[in-house]
PDB file of all heavy atoms in Angstrom:
ATOM      1  N   LEU A   1      -8.164  14.109  -4.957  1.00  0.00           N
ATOM      2  CA  LEU A   1      -7.850  13.063  -3.996  1.00  0.00           C
ATOM      3  C   LEU A   1      -7.219  11.864  -4.677  1.00  0.00           C
ATOM      4  O   LEU A   1      -6.259  11.270  -4.170  1.00  0.00           O
ATOM      5  CB  LEU A   1      -9.113  12.641  -3.252  1.00  0.00           C
ATOM      6  CG  LEU A   1      -8.961  11.469  -2.266  1.00  0.00           C
ATOM      7  CD1 LEU A   1      -7.950  11.827  -1.188  1.00  0.00           C
ATOM      8  CD2 LEU A   1     -10.310  11.110  -1.670  1.00  0.00           C
ATOM      9  N   ASN A   2      -7.719  11.513  -5.855  1.00  0.00           N
ATOM     10  CA  ASN A   2      -7.182  10.362  -6.566  1.00  0.00           C
ATOM     11  C   ASN A   2      -5.721  10.559  -6.931  1.00  0.00           C
ATOM     12  O   ASN A   2      -4.894   9.662  -6.781  1.00  0.00           O
ATOM     13  CB  ASN A   2      -7.996  10.094  -7.835  1.00  0.00           C
ATOM     14  CG  ASN A   2      -9.421   9.672  -7.518  1.00  0.00           C
ATOM     15  OD1 ASN A   2      -9.678   9.194  -6.418  1.00  0.00           O
ATOM     16  ND2 ASN A   2     -10.326   9.855  -8.464  1.00  0.00           N
ATOM     17  N   PHE A   3      -5.386  11.721  -7.398  1.00  0.00           N
ATOM     18  CA  PHE A   3      -4.005  11.962  -7.794  1.00  0.00           C
ATOM     19  C   PHE A   3      -3.099  12.120  -6.585  1.00  0.00           C
ATOM     20  O   PHE A   3      -1.907  11.828  -6.652  1.00  0.00           O
ATOM     21  CB  PHE A   3      -3.900  13.177  -8.704  1.00  0.00           C
ATOM     22  CG  PHE A   3      -4.056  12.817 -10.142  1.00  0.00           C
ATOM     23  CD1 PHE A   3      -5.302  12.750 -10.716  1.00  0.00           C
ATOM     24  CD2 PHE A   3      -2.953  12.509 -10.913  1.00  0.00           C
ATOM     25  CE1 PHE A   3      -5.451  12.410 -12.034  1.00  0.00           C
ATOM     26  CE2 PHE A   3      -3.090  12.158 -12.232  1.00  0.00           C
ATOM     27  CZ  PHE A   3      -4.344  12.106 -12.804  1.00  0.00           C
ATOM     28  N   ALA A   4      -3.641  12.564  -5.479  1.00  0.00           N
ATOM     29  CA  ALA A   4      -2.832  12.593  -4.257  1.00  0.00           C
ATOM     30  C   ALA A   4      -2.479  11.180  -3.835  1.00  0.00           C
ATOM     31  O   ALA A   4      -1.343  10.874  -3.469  1.00  0.00           O
ATOM     32  CB  ALA A   4      -3.590  13.302  -3.143  1.00  0.00           C
ATOM     33  N   LEU A   5      -3.445  10.265  -3.907  1.00  0.00           N
ATOM     34  CA  LEU A   5      -3.163   8.860  -3.615  1.00  0.00           C
ATOM     35  C   LEU A   5      -2.208   8.276  -4.633  1.00  0.00           C
ATOM     36  O   LEU A   5      -1.342   7.470  -4.307  1.00  0.00           O
ATOM     37  CB  LEU A   5      -4.474   8.056  -3.597  1.00  0.00           C
ATOM     38  CG  LEU A   5      -5.427   8.371  -2.440  1.00  0.00           C
ATOM     39  CD1 LEU A   5      -6.746   7.643  -2.645  1.00  0.00           C
ATOM     40  CD2 LEU A   5      -4.802   7.980  -1.115  1.00  0.00           C
ATOM     41  N   LEU A   6      -2.369   8.666  -5.876  1.00  0.00           N
ATOM     42  CA  LEU A   6      -1.469   8.196  -6.938  1.00  0.00           C
ATOM     43  C   LEU A   6      -0.028   8.542  -6.641  1.00  0.00           C
ATOM     44  O   LEU A   6       0.870   7.712  -6.750  1.00  0.00           O
ATOM     45  CB  LEU A   6      -1.903   8.818  -8.270  1.00  0.00           C
ATOM     46  CG  LEU A   6      -0.917   8.726  -9.445  1.00  0.00           C
ATOM     47  CD1 LEU A   6      -0.733   7.277  -9.841  1.00  0.00           C
ATOM     48  CD2 LEU A   6      -1.414   9.550 -10.604  1.00  0.00           C
ATOM     49  N   SER A   7       0.231   9.752  -6.213  1.00  0.00           N
ATOM     50  CA  SER A   7       1.604  10.187  -5.975  1.00  0.00           C
ATOM     51  C   SER A   7       2.158   9.685  -4.654  1.00  0.00           C
ATOM     52  O   SER A   7       3.357   9.565  -4.487  1.00  0.00           O
ATOM     53  CB  SER A   7       1.671  11.718  -5.997  1.00  0.00           C
ATOM     54  OG  SER A   7       0.877  12.243  -4.953  1.00  0.00           O
ATOM     55  N   PHE A   8       1.274   9.347  -3.718  1.00  0.00           N
ATOM     56  CA  PHE A   8       1.750   8.977  -2.380  1.00  0.00           C
ATOM     57  C   PHE A   8       1.900   7.474  -2.185  1.00  0.00           C
ATOM     58  O   PHE A   8       2.851   7.008  -1.575  1.00  0.00           O
ATOM     59  CB  PHE A   8       0.779   9.538  -1.344  1.00  0.00           C
ATOM     60  CG  PHE A   8       1.154   9.193   0.066  1.00  0.00           C
ATOM     61  CD1 PHE A   8       2.214   9.839   0.693  1.00  0.00           C
ATOM     62  CD2 PHE A   8       0.455   8.229   0.758  1.00  0.00           C
ATOM     63  CE1 PHE A   8       2.567   9.513   1.980  1.00  0.00           C
ATOM     64  CE2 PHE A   8       0.802   7.907   2.048  1.00  0.00           C
ATOM     65  CZ  PHE A   8       1.857   8.565   2.658  1.00  0.00           C
ATOM     66  N   CYS A   9       0.958   6.705  -2.698  1.00  0.00           N
ATOM     67  CA  CYS A   9       0.888   5.300  -2.317  1.00  0.00           C
ATOM     68  C   CYS A   9       1.477   4.335  -3.319  1.00  0.00           C
ATOM     69  O   CYS A   9       1.733   3.191  -2.975  1.00  0.00           O
ATOM     70  CB  CYS A   9      -0.563   4.898  -2.065  1.00  0.00           C
ATOM     71  SG  CYS A   9      -1.304   5.761  -0.662  1.00  0.00           S
ATOM     72  N   PHE A  10       1.668   4.717  -4.570  1.00  0.00           N
ATOM     73  CA  PHE A  10       1.998   3.706  -5.567  1.00  0.00           C
ATOM     74  C   PHE A  10       3.220   4.072  -6.376  1.00  0.00           C
ATOM     75  O   PHE A  10       3.126   4.411  -7.542  1.00  0.00           O
ATOM     76  CB  PHE A  10       0.812   3.484  -6.517  1.00  0.00           C
ATOM     77  CG  PHE A  10      -0.375   2.929  -5.812  1.00  0.00           C
ATOM     78  CD1 PHE A  10      -1.384   3.755  -5.356  1.00  0.00           C
ATOM     79  CD2 PHE A  10      -0.455   1.583  -5.559  1.00  0.00           C
ATOM     80  CE1 PHE A  10      -2.454   3.234  -4.681  1.00  0.00           C
ATOM     81  CE2 PHE A  10      -1.531   1.057  -4.887  1.00  0.00           C
ATOM     82  CZ  PHE A  10      -2.542   1.886  -4.439  1.00  0.00           C
ATOM     83  N   PRO A  11       4.391   4.020  -5.811  1.00  0.00           N
ATOM     84  CA  PRO A  11       5.616   4.268  -6.580  1.00  0.00           C
ATOM     85  C   PRO A  11       6.103   3.001  -7.248  1.00  0.00           C
ATOM     86  O   PRO A  11       7.217   2.572  -7.046  1.00  0.00           O
ATOM     87  CB  PRO A  11       6.598   4.730  -5.494  1.00  0.00           C
ATOM     88  CG  PRO A  11       6.157   3.987  -4.295  1.00  0.00           C
ATOM     89  CD  PRO A  11       4.670   3.842  -4.394  1.00  0.00           C
ATOM     90  N   PHE A  12       5.285   2.354  -8.097  1.00  0.00           N
ATOM     91  CA  PHE A  12       5.670   1.078  -8.686  1.00  0.00           C
ATOM     92  C   PHE A  12       5.814   1.146 -10.197  1.00  0.00           C
ATOM     93  O   PHE A  12       6.157   0.157 -10.811  1.00  0.00           O
ATOM     94  CB  PHE A  12       4.660  -0.015  -8.335  1.00  0.00           C
ATOM     95  CG  PHE A  12       4.628  -0.308  -6.879  1.00  0.00           C
ATOM     96  CD1 PHE A  12       3.632   0.195  -6.070  1.00  0.00           C
ATOM     97  CD2 PHE A  12       5.632  -1.062  -6.304  1.00  0.00           C
ATOM     98  CE1 PHE A  12       3.620  -0.071  -4.728  1.00  0.00           C
ATOM     99  CE2 PHE A  12       5.631  -1.338  -4.958  1.00  0.00           C
ATOM    100  CZ  PHE A  12       4.623  -0.833  -4.166  1.00  0.00           C
ATOM    101  N   CYS A  13       5.511   2.230 -10.826  1.00  0.00           N
ATOM    102  CA  CYS A  13       5.750   2.362 -12.259  1.00  0.00           C
ATOM    103  C   CYS A  13       6.300   3.747 -12.497  1.00  0.00           C
ATOM    104  O   CYS A  13       6.080   4.645 -11.698  1.00  0.00           O
ATOM    105  CB  CYS A  13       4.483   2.126 -13.068  1.00  0.00           C
ATOM    106  SG  CYS A  13       3.170   3.291 -12.692  1.00  0.00           S
ATOM    107  N   GLU A  14       6.974   3.915 -13.590  1.00  0.00           N
ATOM    108  CA  GLU A  14       7.649   5.181 -13.833  1.00  0.00           C
ATOM    109  C   GLU A  14       6.755   6.080 -14.660  1.00  0.00           C
ATOM    110  O   GLU A  14       6.409   5.765 -15.793  1.00  0.00           O
ATOM    111  CB  GLU A  14       8.973   4.959 -14.550  1.00  0.00           C
ATOM    112  CG  GLU A  14       9.716   6.255 -14.749  1.00  0.00           C
ATOM    113  CD  GLU A  14      11.119   6.027 -15.236  1.00  0.00           C
ATOM    114  OE1 GLU A  14      11.527   4.877 -15.321  1.00  0.00           O
ATOM    115  OE2 GLU A  14      11.778   7.024 -15.533  1.00  0.00           O
ATOM    116  N   MET A  15       6.353   7.194 -14.088  1.00  0.00           N
ATOM    117  CA  MET A  15       5.571   8.180 -14.806  1.00  0.00           C
ATOM    118  C   MET A  15       6.397   9.453 -14.824  1.00  0.00           C
ATOM    119  O   MET A  15       6.652  10.052 -13.790  1.00  0.00           O
ATOM    120  CB  MET A  15       4.225   8.411 -14.122  1.00  0.00           C
ATOM    121  CG  MET A  15       3.357   7.167 -14.123  1.00  0.00           C
ATOM    122  SD  MET A  15       1.677   7.499 -13.646  1.00  0.00           S
ATOM    123  CE  MET A  15       1.905   8.094 -12.001  1.00  0.00           C
ATOM    124  N   ALA A  16       6.832   9.837 -15.976  1.00  0.00           N
ATOM    125  CA  ALA A  16       7.707  10.988 -16.078  1.00  0.00           C
ATOM    126  C   ALA A  16       7.296  11.833 -17.263  1.00  0.00           C
ATOM    127  O   ALA A  16       6.996  11.312 -18.329  1.00  0.00           O
ATOM    128  CB  ALA A  16       9.150  10.543 -16.239  1.00  0.00           C
ATOM    129  N   ILE A  17       7.222  13.111 -17.103  1.00  0.00           N
ATOM    130  CA  ILE A  17       6.967  14.026 -18.193  1.00  0.00           C
ATOM    131  C   ILE A  17       8.137  14.976 -18.280  1.00  0.00           C
ATOM    132  O   ILE A  17       9.054  14.931 -17.466  1.00  0.00           O
ATOM    133  CB  ILE A  17       5.641  14.783 -17.983  1.00  0.00           C
ATOM    134  CG1 ILE A  17       5.630  15.465 -16.619  1.00  0.00           C
ATOM    135  CG2 ILE A  17       4.468  13.834 -18.096  1.00  0.00           C
ATOM    136  CD1 ILE A  17       4.361  16.230 -16.331  1.00  0.00           C
ATOM    137  N   ALA A  18       8.094  15.849 -19.297  1.00  0.00           N
ATOM    138  CA  ALA A  18       9.263  16.688 -19.553  1.00  0.00           C
ATOM    139  C   ALA A  18       9.616  17.540 -18.348  1.00  0.00           C
ATOM    140  O   ALA A  18      10.769  17.716 -18.020  1.00  0.00           O
ATOM    141  CB  ALA A  18       9.004  17.555 -20.778  1.00  0.00           C
ATOM    142  N   ASP A  19       8.617  18.060 -17.691  1.00  0.00           N
ATOM    143  CA  ASP A  19       8.845  18.876 -16.507  1.00  0.00           C
ATOM    144  C   ASP A  19       8.005  18.334 -15.362  1.00  0.00           C
ATOM    145  O   ASP A  19       7.066  17.559 -15.563  1.00  0.00           O
ATOM    146  CB  ASP A  19       8.481  20.341 -16.779  1.00  0.00           C
ATOM    147  CG  ASP A  19       9.428  20.979 -17.780  1.00  0.00           C
ATOM    148  OD1 ASP A  19      10.653  20.940 -17.538  1.00  0.00           O
ATOM    149  OD2 ASP A  19       8.945  21.483 -18.795  1.00  0.00           O
ATOM    150  N   ASP A  20       8.333  18.749 -14.186  1.00  0.00           N
ATOM    151  CA  ASP A  20       7.628  18.291 -13.000  1.00  0.00           C
ATOM    152  C   ASP A  20       6.485  19.256 -12.720  1.00  0.00           C
ATOM    153  O   ASP A  20       6.679  20.308 -12.120  1.00  0.00           O
ATOM    154  CB  ASP A  20       8.590  18.235 -11.827  1.00  0.00           C
ATOM    155  CG  ASP A  20       8.011  17.449 -10.670  1.00  0.00           C
ATOM    156  OD1 ASP A  20       6.889  16.956 -10.780  1.00  0.00           O
ATOM    157  OD2 ASP A  20       8.713  17.353  -9.657  1.00  0.00           O
ATOM    158  N   TYR A  21       5.263  18.857 -13.152  1.00  0.00           N
ATOM    159  CA  TYR A  21       4.110  19.737 -13.008  1.00  0.00           C
ATOM    160  C   TYR A  21       3.287  19.349 -11.801  1.00  0.00           C
ATOM    161  O   TYR A  21       3.289  18.210 -11.353  1.00  0.00           O
ATOM    162  CB  TYR A  21       3.240  19.675 -14.264  1.00  0.00           C
ATOM    163  CG  TYR A  21       3.979  20.083 -15.520  1.00  0.00           C
ATOM    164  CD1 TYR A  21       4.158  19.178 -16.551  1.00  0.00           C
ATOM    165  CD2 TYR A  21       4.497  21.370 -15.650  1.00  0.00           C
ATOM    166  CE1 TYR A  21       4.829  19.540 -17.699  1.00  0.00           C
ATOM    167  CE2 TYR A  21       5.171  21.735 -16.798  1.00  0.00           C
ATOM    168  CZ  TYR A  21       5.344  20.820 -17.815  1.00  0.00           C
ATOM    169  OH  TYR A  21       6.020  21.169 -18.942  1.00  0.00           O
ATOM    170  N   LYS A  22       2.534  20.317 -11.335  1.00  0.00           N
ATOM    171  CA  LYS A  22       1.639  20.081 -10.216  1.00  0.00           C
ATOM    172  C   LYS A  22       0.200  19.879 -10.678  1.00  0.00           C
ATOM    173  O   LYS A  22      -0.566  19.164 -10.037  1.00  0.00           O
ATOM    174  CB  LYS A  22       1.732  21.259  -9.246  1.00  0.00           C
ATOM    175  CG  LYS A  22       1.058  21.013  -7.917  1.00  0.00           C
ATOM    176  CD  LYS A  22       1.338  22.166  -6.964  1.00  0.00           C
ATOM    177  CE  LYS A  22       0.730  21.882  -5.590  1.00  0.00           C
ATOM    178  NZ  LYS A  22       0.998  23.004  -4.651  1.00  0.00           N
ATOM    179  N   TYR A  23      -0.164  20.499 -11.793  1.00  0.00           N
ATOM    180  CA  TYR A  23      -1.517  20.388 -12.326  1.00  0.00           C
ATOM    181  C   TYR A  23      -1.470  20.182 -13.832  1.00  0.00           C
ATOM    182  O   TYR A  23      -0.433  20.416 -14.472  1.00  0.00           O
ATOM    183  CB  TYR A  23      -2.340  21.661 -12.035  1.00  0.00           C
ATOM    184  CG  TYR A  23      -2.396  22.041 -10.587  1.00  0.00           C
ATOM    185  CD1 TYR A  23      -1.558  23.026 -10.076  1.00  0.00           C
ATOM    186  CD2 TYR A  23      -3.314  21.441  -9.735  1.00  0.00           C
ATOM    187  CE1 TYR A  23      -1.608  23.386  -8.739  1.00  0.00           C
ATOM    188  CE2 TYR A  23      -3.380  21.796  -8.397  1.00  0.00           C
ATOM    189  CZ  TYR A  23      -2.524  22.772  -7.902  1.00  0.00           C
ATOM    190  OH  TYR A  23      -2.577  23.113  -6.584  1.00  0.00           O
ATOM    191  N   PHE A  24      -2.628  19.745 -14.367  1.00  0.00           N
ATOM    192  CA  PHE A  24      -2.864  19.731 -15.809  1.00  0.00           C
ATOM    193  C   PHE A  24      -4.059  20.641 -16.112  1.00  0.00           C
ATOM    194  O   PHE A  24      -4.968  20.779 -15.287  1.00  0.00           O
ATOM    195  CB  PHE A  24      -3.161  18.318 -16.310  1.00  0.00           C
ATOM    196  CG  PHE A  24      -1.950  17.454 -16.438  1.00  0.00           C
ATOM    197  CD1 PHE A  24      -1.974  16.157 -15.955  1.00  0.00           C
ATOM    198  CD2 PHE A  24      -0.795  17.917 -17.031  1.00  0.00           C
ATOM    199  CE1 PHE A  24      -0.865  15.348 -16.066  1.00  0.00           C
ATOM    200  CE2 PHE A  24       0.313  17.118 -17.147  1.00  0.00           C
ATOM    201  CZ  PHE A  24       0.285  15.827 -16.656  1.00  0.00           C
ATOM    202  N   LYS A  25      -4.055  21.173 -17.310  1.00  0.00           N
ATOM    203  CA  LYS A  25      -5.152  22.034 -17.741  1.00  0.00           C
ATOM    204  C   LYS A  25      -5.392  21.820 -19.229  1.00  0.00           C
ATOM    205  O   LYS A  25      -4.444  21.602 -19.982  1.00  0.00           O
ATOM    206  CB  LYS A  25      -4.801  23.505 -17.477  1.00  0.00           C
ATOM    207  CG  LYS A  25      -5.837  24.490 -18.023  1.00  0.00           C
ATOM    208  CD  LYS A  25      -5.375  25.924 -17.838  1.00  0.00           C
ATOM    209  CE  LYS A  25      -6.368  26.890 -18.496  1.00  0.00           C
ATOM    210  NZ  LYS A  25      -5.913  28.287 -18.376  1.00  0.00           N
ATOM    211  N   THR A  26      -6.670  21.848 -19.653  1.00  0.00           N
ATOM    212  CA  THR A  26      -7.005  21.716 -21.078  1.00  0.00           C
ATOM    213  C   THR A  26      -7.627  23.004 -21.592  1.00  0.00           C
ATOM    214  O   THR A  26      -8.240  23.766 -20.836  1.00  0.00           O
ATOM    215  CB  THR A  26      -7.992  20.564 -21.304  1.00  0.00           C
ATOM    216  OG1 THR A  26      -9.201  20.830 -20.594  1.00  0.00           O
ATOM    217  CG2 THR A  26      -7.397  19.235 -20.864  1.00  0.00           C
TER     218      THR A  26
END
């Protein structure tokens, strides 16, 4: 839920990684 809010509500800083991923895994 937190990351859904992150991607939807706050387009005020640039967060970019090499590819456009949907999830992270360790």
